[in-house]
Amino acid sequence: MSIDTSGQVTIRGEGSATTTNLQQGLNKAYCTFAQSSSHTIDDSFNISGLSDDGAGQTTVSYTNVFSVAKHPIAGTSNWNGVFTHDTYTTGSNQIRGRGADSTSLSDRGTMTMLCGGSLA
């Protein structure tokens, strides 16, 4: 392990001589929320709030913004649902839910999301 003058931590990879930058490998934001009711956040990190944008659509806003708009996002939806995202910006993303057997957007019970990338 090494720490440079800027505070970046580099560690050796599993079973090899390659190294990994610790900060780059961490989730930069995550959120679990109920989309089908009051959009209440159950657990989060680096999330400043949610807004209900209509059936199956929620904008998730970040406390600390990303350095690029198209940062990696992954998520899940319960109730046999599908998670998608749209409207890329550095400060927020729109999360969308729908049933697996439908193309129409609809509120889901629990939505989760994880974000990677670099913060600004």
N, C-alpha and C. Protein backbone atom coordinates (compact mmCIF):
# COMPACT_ATOMS: atom_id res chain seq x y z
N MET A 1 0.84 -1.17 0.00
CA MET A 1 0.00 0.00 0.00
C MET A 1 0.89 1.23 0.00
N SER A 2 0.47 2.24 -0.77
CA SER A 2 1.18 3.50 -0.75
C SER A 2 0.19 4.66 -0.78
N ILE A 3 0.57 5.74 -0.17
CA ILE A 3 -0.24 6.96 -0.16
C ILE A 3 0.63 8.08 -0.71
N ASP A 4 0.16 8.71 -1.81
CA ASP A 4 0.97 9.79 -2.38
C ASP A 4 0.65 11.12 -1.71
N THR A 5 1.30 12.17 -2.13
CA THR A 5 1.15 13.48 -1.49
C THR A 5 -0.25 14.06 -1.64
N SER A 6 -1.03 13.60 -2.63
CA SER A 6 -2.40 14.10 -2.80
C SER A 6 -3.40 13.30 -1.98
N GLY A 7 -2.94 12.25 -1.28
CA GLY A 7 -3.82 11.42 -0.47
C GLY A 7 -4.38 10.22 -1.20
N GLN A 8 -3.98 9.99 -2.46
CA GLN A 8 -4.44 8.83 -3.20
C GLN A 8 -3.80 7.57 -2.62
N VAL A 9 -4.62 6.54 -2.41
CA VAL A 9 -4.16 5.28 -1.84
C VAL A 9 -4.12 4.23 -2.95
N THR A 10 -2.96 3.60 -3.11
CA THR A 10 -2.79 2.54 -4.09
C THR A 10 -2.48 1.25 -3.36
N ILE A 11 -3.23 0.19 -3.70
CA ILE A 11 -3.01 -1.10 -3.06
C ILE A 11 -2.68 -2.14 -4.12
N ARG A 12 -2.00 -3.20 -3.71
CA ARG A 12 -1.66 -4.30 -4.63
C ARG A 12 -2.90 -5.15 -4.86
N GLY A 13 -3.13 -5.56 -6.11
CA GLY A 13 -4.26 -6.40 -6.47
C GLY A 13 -4.13 -7.79 -5.89
N GLU A 14 -5.23 -8.54 -5.92
CA GLU A 14 -5.25 -9.88 -5.39
C GLU A 14 -4.33 -10.79 -6.18
N GLY A 15 -3.36 -11.38 -5.54
CA GLY A 15 -2.50 -12.40 -6.15
C GLY A 15 -1.65 -11.94 -7.31
N SER A 16 -1.38 -10.65 -7.42
CA SER A 16 -0.58 -10.20 -8.55
C SER A 16 0.24 -8.97 -8.17
N ALA A 17 1.03 -8.54 -9.12
CA ALA A 17 1.87 -7.36 -8.90
C ALA A 17 1.18 -6.09 -9.38
N THR A 18 -0.05 -6.18 -9.94
CA THR A 18 -0.75 -4.99 -10.39
C THR A 18 -1.28 -4.20 -9.19
N THR A 19 -1.54 -2.93 -9.40
CA THR A 19 -2.06 -2.10 -8.32
C THR A 19 -3.41 -1.51 -8.70
N THR A 20 -4.14 -1.12 -7.68
CA THR A 20 -5.46 -0.52 -7.84
C THR A 20 -5.52 0.76 -7.01
N ASN A 21 -6.09 1.80 -7.61
CA ASN A 21 -6.33 3.05 -6.88
C ASN A 21 -7.59 2.85 -6.04
N LEU A 22 -7.46 2.92 -4.73
CA LEU A 22 -8.56 2.62 -3.83
C LEU A 22 -9.75 3.56 -4.05
N GLN A 23 -9.52 4.85 -4.19
CA GLN A 23 -10.60 5.81 -4.36
C GLN A 23 -11.42 5.54 -5.62
N GLN A 24 -10.75 5.15 -6.72
CA GLN A 24 -11.46 4.89 -7.97
C GLN A 24 -12.36 3.66 -7.87
N GLY A 25 -12.04 2.72 -6.99
CA GLY A 25 -12.81 1.50 -6.89
C GLY A 25 -14.00 1.55 -5.94
N LEU A 26 -14.23 2.67 -5.31
CA LEU A 26 -15.33 2.80 -4.34
C LEU A 26 -16.61 3.30 -4.99
N ASN A 27 -17.77 2.89 -4.43
CA ASN A 27 -19.03 3.49 -4.86
C ASN A 27 -19.03 4.95 -4.44
N LYS A 28 -19.48 5.81 -5.32
CA LYS A 28 -19.50 7.24 -5.03
C LYS A 28 -20.87 7.72 -4.56
N ALA A 29 -21.90 6.91 -4.82
CA ALA A 29 -23.26 7.22 -4.35
C ALA A 29 -24.07 5.94 -4.37
N TYR A 30 -25.03 5.85 -3.45
CA TYR A 30 -25.99 4.76 -3.47
C TYR A 30 -27.27 5.21 -2.82
N CYS A 31 -28.37 4.53 -3.15
CA CYS A 31 -29.65 4.92 -2.58
C CYS A 31 -30.61 3.74 -2.66
N THR A 32 -31.40 3.55 -1.62
CA THR A 32 -32.51 2.61 -1.59
C THR A 32 -33.74 3.42 -1.20
N PHE A 33 -34.79 3.35 -2.02
CA PHE A 33 -35.97 4.15 -1.72
C PHE A 33 -37.24 3.46 -2.21
N ALA A 34 -38.37 3.87 -1.62
CA ALA A 34 -39.68 3.36 -2.01
C ALA A 34 -40.24 4.30 -3.08
N GLN A 35 -40.33 3.80 -4.31
CA GLN A 35 -40.84 4.64 -5.39
C GLN A 35 -42.37 4.67 -5.40
N SER A 36 -43.00 3.65 -4.87
CA SER A 36 -44.45 3.53 -4.97
C SER A 36 -45.23 4.30 -3.91
N SER A 37 -44.55 4.93 -2.99
CA SER A 37 -45.29 5.66 -1.96
C SER A 37 -44.77 7.09 -1.87
N SER A 38 -44.14 7.43 -0.80
CA SER A 38 -43.74 8.82 -0.56
C SER A 38 -42.32 9.14 -1.03
N HIS A 39 -41.70 8.24 -1.77
CA HIS A 39 -40.31 8.44 -2.20
C HIS A 39 -39.40 8.66 -1.00
N THR A 40 -39.61 7.88 0.04
CA THR A 40 -38.80 7.95 1.25
C THR A 40 -37.50 7.20 1.05
N ILE A 41 -36.38 7.84 1.39
CA ILE A 41 -35.07 7.20 1.30
C ILE A 41 -34.88 6.29 2.50
N ASP A 42 -34.60 5.01 2.24
CA ASP A 42 -34.34 4.06 3.32
C ASP A 42 -32.88 4.08 3.74
N ASP A 43 -31.97 4.22 2.77
CA ASP A 43 -30.55 4.28 3.05
C ASP A 43 -29.88 4.97 1.88
N SER A 44 -28.85 5.76 2.16
CA SER A 44 -28.20 6.47 1.06
C SER A 44 -26.81 6.95 1.46
N PHE A 45 -26.05 7.28 0.43
CA PHE A 45 -24.75 7.91 0.58
C PHE A 45 -24.58 8.87 -0.58
N ASN A 46 -24.22 10.10 -0.31
CA ASN A 46 -24.00 11.16 -1.31
C ASN A 46 -25.28 11.47 -2.09
N ILE A 47 -26.44 11.33 -1.45
CA ILE A 47 -27.72 11.65 -2.07
C ILE A 47 -28.33 12.83 -1.30
N SER A 48 -28.65 13.92 -2.04
CA SER A 48 -29.23 15.08 -1.37
C SER A 48 -30.75 15.06 -1.39
N GLY A 49 -31.37 14.30 -2.29
CA GLY A 49 -32.82 14.22 -2.29
C GLY A 49 -33.37 13.53 -3.52
N LEU A 50 -34.70 13.32 -3.48
CA LEU A 50 -35.43 12.67 -4.56
C LEU A 50 -36.57 13.57 -4.99
N SER A 51 -36.95 13.48 -6.26
CA SER A 51 -38.18 14.15 -6.70
C SER A 51 -39.00 13.19 -7.53
N ASP A 52 -40.32 13.20 -7.30
CA ASP A 52 -41.25 12.34 -8.01
C ASP A 52 -41.60 13.02 -9.33
N ASP A 53 -41.20 12.43 -10.44
CA ASP A 53 -41.41 13.02 -11.77
C ASP A 53 -42.58 12.38 -12.51
N GLY A 54 -43.43 11.64 -11.81
CA GLY A 54 -44.56 10.97 -12.45
C GLY A 54 -44.44 9.48 -12.29
N ALA A 55 -45.37 8.76 -12.86
CA ALA A 55 -45.41 7.30 -12.73
C ALA A 55 -44.10 6.68 -13.18
N GLY A 56 -43.45 5.95 -12.26
CA GLY A 56 -42.23 5.23 -12.57
C GLY A 56 -41.00 6.09 -12.80
N GLN A 57 -41.04 7.36 -12.46
CA GLN A 57 -39.90 8.24 -12.72
C GLN A 57 -39.51 9.01 -11.46
N THR A 58 -38.25 8.93 -11.10
CA THR A 58 -37.72 9.60 -9.92
C THR A 58 -36.38 10.23 -10.27
N THR A 59 -36.20 11.50 -9.95
CA THR A 59 -34.88 12.12 -10.09
C THR A 59 -34.15 12.01 -8.77
N VAL A 60 -32.94 11.45 -8.83
CA VAL A 60 -32.07 11.30 -7.66
C VAL A 60 -30.97 12.35 -7.79
N SER A 61 -30.85 13.24 -6.79
CA SER A 61 -29.85 14.31 -6.81
C SER A 61 -28.71 13.98 -5.88
N TYR A 62 -27.49 14.35 -6.30
CA TYR A 62 -26.28 14.04 -5.54
C TYR A 62 -25.85 15.22 -4.69
N THR A 63 -25.31 14.94 -3.52
CA THR A 63 -24.74 15.97 -2.65
C THR A 63 -23.45 16.50 -3.26
N ASN A 64 -22.56 15.61 -3.66
CA ASN A 64 -21.31 15.95 -4.34
C ASN A 64 -21.44 15.48 -5.78
N VAL A 65 -21.27 16.37 -6.74
CA VAL A 65 -21.53 16.05 -8.14
C VAL A 65 -20.39 15.23 -8.76
N PHE A 66 -20.71 14.57 -9.86
CA PHE A 66 -19.73 13.78 -10.61
C PHE A 66 -18.98 14.66 -11.59
N SER A 67 -17.80 14.22 -11.99
CA SER A 67 -16.97 15.01 -12.91
C SER A 67 -17.47 14.90 -14.35
N VAL A 68 -18.19 13.83 -14.69
CA VAL A 68 -18.78 13.67 -16.02
C VAL A 68 -20.24 13.26 -15.87
N ALA A 69 -21.05 13.64 -16.84
CA ALA A 69 -22.48 13.34 -16.76
C ALA A 69 -22.77 11.85 -16.87
N LYS A 70 -22.09 11.15 -17.78
CA LYS A 70 -22.39 9.73 -18.02
C LYS A 70 -21.50 8.82 -17.17
N HIS A 71 -21.70 8.91 -15.85
CA HIS A 71 -20.99 8.04 -14.91
C HIS A 71 -21.75 6.71 -14.79
N PRO A 72 -21.08 5.64 -14.35
CA PRO A 72 -21.73 4.33 -14.26
C PRO A 72 -22.82 4.29 -13.21
N ILE A 73 -23.97 3.71 -13.58
CA ILE A 73 -25.10 3.55 -12.67
C ILE A 73 -25.64 2.13 -12.85
N ALA A 74 -25.92 1.48 -11.73
CA ALA A 74 -26.56 0.17 -11.77
C ALA A 74 -27.66 0.17 -10.71
N GLY A 75 -28.69 -0.63 -10.92
CA GLY A 75 -29.76 -0.64 -9.94
C GLY A 75 -30.66 -1.85 -10.05
N THR A 76 -31.58 -1.93 -9.12
CA THR A 76 -32.55 -3.01 -9.09
C THR A 76 -33.93 -2.44 -8.79
N SER A 77 -34.95 -3.25 -9.09
CA SER A 77 -36.34 -2.91 -8.79
C SER A 77 -37.04 -4.18 -8.36
N ASN A 78 -37.84 -4.09 -7.30
CA ASN A 78 -38.58 -5.29 -6.89
C ASN A 78 -39.92 -5.35 -7.61
N TRP A 79 -40.78 -6.25 -7.20
CA TRP A 79 -42.10 -6.49 -7.79
C TRP A 79 -41.98 -6.87 -9.25
N ASN A 80 -41.05 -7.76 -9.58
CA ASN A 80 -40.85 -8.20 -10.96
C ASN A 80 -40.63 -7.00 -11.88
N GLY A 81 -39.84 -6.07 -11.39
CA GLY A 81 -39.65 -4.82 -12.11
C GLY A 81 -38.34 -4.71 -12.86
N VAL A 82 -38.25 -3.66 -13.64
CA VAL A 82 -37.07 -3.35 -14.43
C VAL A 82 -36.59 -1.96 -14.04
N PHE A 83 -35.29 -1.81 -13.82
CA PHE A 83 -34.65 -0.54 -13.47
C PHE A 83 -33.95 0.00 -14.71
N THR A 84 -34.20 1.24 -15.06
CA THR A 84 -33.46 1.92 -16.11
C THR A 84 -33.13 3.32 -15.63
N HIS A 85 -32.24 3.99 -16.32
CA HIS A 85 -31.95 5.37 -15.96
C HIS A 85 -31.83 6.20 -17.22
N ASP A 86 -32.02 7.52 -17.06
CA ASP A 86 -32.06 8.43 -18.19
C ASP A 86 -31.65 9.81 -17.68
N THR A 87 -31.59 10.76 -18.58
CA THR A 87 -31.31 12.15 -18.26
C THR A 87 -30.00 12.27 -17.48
N TYR A 88 -28.91 12.02 -18.16
CA TYR A 88 -27.59 12.09 -17.54
C TYR A 88 -27.18 13.53 -17.25
N THR A 89 -26.79 13.82 -16.02
CA THR A 89 -26.15 15.08 -15.66
C THR A 89 -25.13 14.77 -14.57
N THR A 90 -24.29 15.73 -14.25
CA THR A 90 -23.30 15.51 -13.19
C THR A 90 -23.94 15.58 -11.81
N GLY A 91 -25.09 16.26 -11.68
CA GLY A 91 -25.70 16.47 -10.38
C GLY A 91 -26.90 15.62 -10.06
N SER A 92 -27.44 14.90 -11.05
CA SER A 92 -28.62 14.07 -10.80
C SER A 92 -28.83 13.10 -11.96
N ASN A 93 -29.67 12.10 -11.72
CA ASN A 93 -30.08 11.17 -12.76
C ASN A 93 -31.54 10.80 -12.55
N GLN A 94 -32.24 10.56 -13.64
CA GLN A 94 -33.61 10.11 -13.52
C GLN A 94 -33.63 8.59 -13.56
N ILE A 95 -34.24 8.00 -12.54
CA ILE A 95 -34.37 6.56 -12.41
C ILE A 95 -35.79 6.20 -12.85
N ARG A 96 -35.91 5.15 -13.65
CA ARG A 96 -37.22 4.75 -14.15
C ARG A 96 -37.51 3.30 -13.79
N GLY A 97 -38.77 3.02 -13.50
CA GLY A 97 -39.20 1.67 -13.19
C GLY A 97 -40.39 1.27 -14.04
N ARG A 98 -40.46 -0.02 -14.33
CA ARG A 98 -41.62 -0.59 -15.03
C ARG A 98 -41.67 -2.07 -14.72
N GLY A 99 -42.80 -2.67 -14.96
CA GLY A 99 -42.93 -4.10 -14.78
C GLY A 99 -42.18 -4.83 -15.87
N ALA A 100 -41.69 -6.02 -15.58
CA ALA A 100 -40.92 -6.80 -16.56
C ALA A 100 -41.76 -7.20 -17.76
N ASP A 101 -43.09 -7.24 -17.60
CA ASP A 101 -43.97 -7.64 -18.69
C ASP A 101 -44.65 -6.46 -19.38
N SER A 102 -44.11 -5.24 -19.19
CA SER A 102 -44.74 -4.05 -19.73
C SER A 102 -43.70 -3.06 -20.25
N THR A 103 -44.11 -2.24 -21.19
CA THR A 103 -43.24 -1.15 -21.64
C THR A 103 -43.64 0.17 -21.00
N SER A 104 -44.75 0.18 -20.24
CA SER A 104 -45.23 1.40 -19.58
C SER A 104 -44.52 1.61 -18.25
N LEU A 105 -44.13 2.83 -17.98
CA LEU A 105 -43.52 3.16 -16.70
C LEU A 105 -44.54 3.02 -15.59
N SER A 106 -44.10 2.49 -14.45
CA SER A 106 -44.96 2.36 -13.28
C SER A 106 -44.10 2.38 -12.03
N ASP A 107 -44.66 2.95 -10.95
CA ASP A 107 -43.94 3.00 -9.68
C ASP A 107 -43.65 1.59 -9.19
N ARG A 108 -42.47 1.41 -8.62
CA ARG A 108 -42.05 0.13 -8.07
C ARG A 108 -41.97 0.26 -6.56
N GLY A 109 -41.99 -0.85 -5.85
CA GLY A 109 -41.92 -0.84 -4.40
C GLY A 109 -40.60 -0.31 -3.91
N THR A 110 -39.53 -1.03 -4.12
CA THR A 110 -38.21 -0.61 -3.69
C THR A 110 -37.28 -0.51 -4.89
N MET A 111 -36.60 0.61 -5.01
CA MET A 111 -35.59 0.82 -6.05
C MET A 111 -34.25 0.98 -5.34
N THR A 112 -33.20 0.43 -5.93
CA THR A 112 -31.86 0.63 -5.42
C THR A 112 -30.95 1.09 -6.56
N MET A 113 -29.94 1.87 -6.24
CA MET A 113 -28.98 2.29 -7.27
C MET A 113 -27.61 2.45 -6.65
N LEU A 114 -26.59 2.15 -7.45
CA LEU A 114 -25.19 2.33 -7.10
C LEU A 114 -24.54 3.14 -8.20
N CYS A 115 -23.66 4.07 -7.85
CA CYS A 115 -22.97 4.88 -8.84
C CYS A 115 -21.47 4.82 -8.63
N GLY A 116 -20.74 4.69 -9.73
CA GLY A 116 -19.29 4.73 -9.71
C GLY A 116 -18.83 5.97 -10.46
N GLY A 117 -17.54 6.04 -10.73
CA GLY A 117 -17.00 7.18 -11.46
C GLY A 117 -16.22 8.12 -10.56
N SER A 118 -15.89 9.27 -11.10
CA SER A 118 -15.10 10.26 -10.37
C SER A 118 -15.95 11.44 -9.97
N LEU A 119 -15.80 11.88 -8.73
CA LEU A 119 -16.49 13.08 -8.29
C LEU A 119 -15.71 14.31 -8.73
N ALA A 120 -16.44 15.40 -8.92
CA ALA A 120 -15.81 16.66 -9.36
C ALA A 120 -14.97 17.26 -8.25
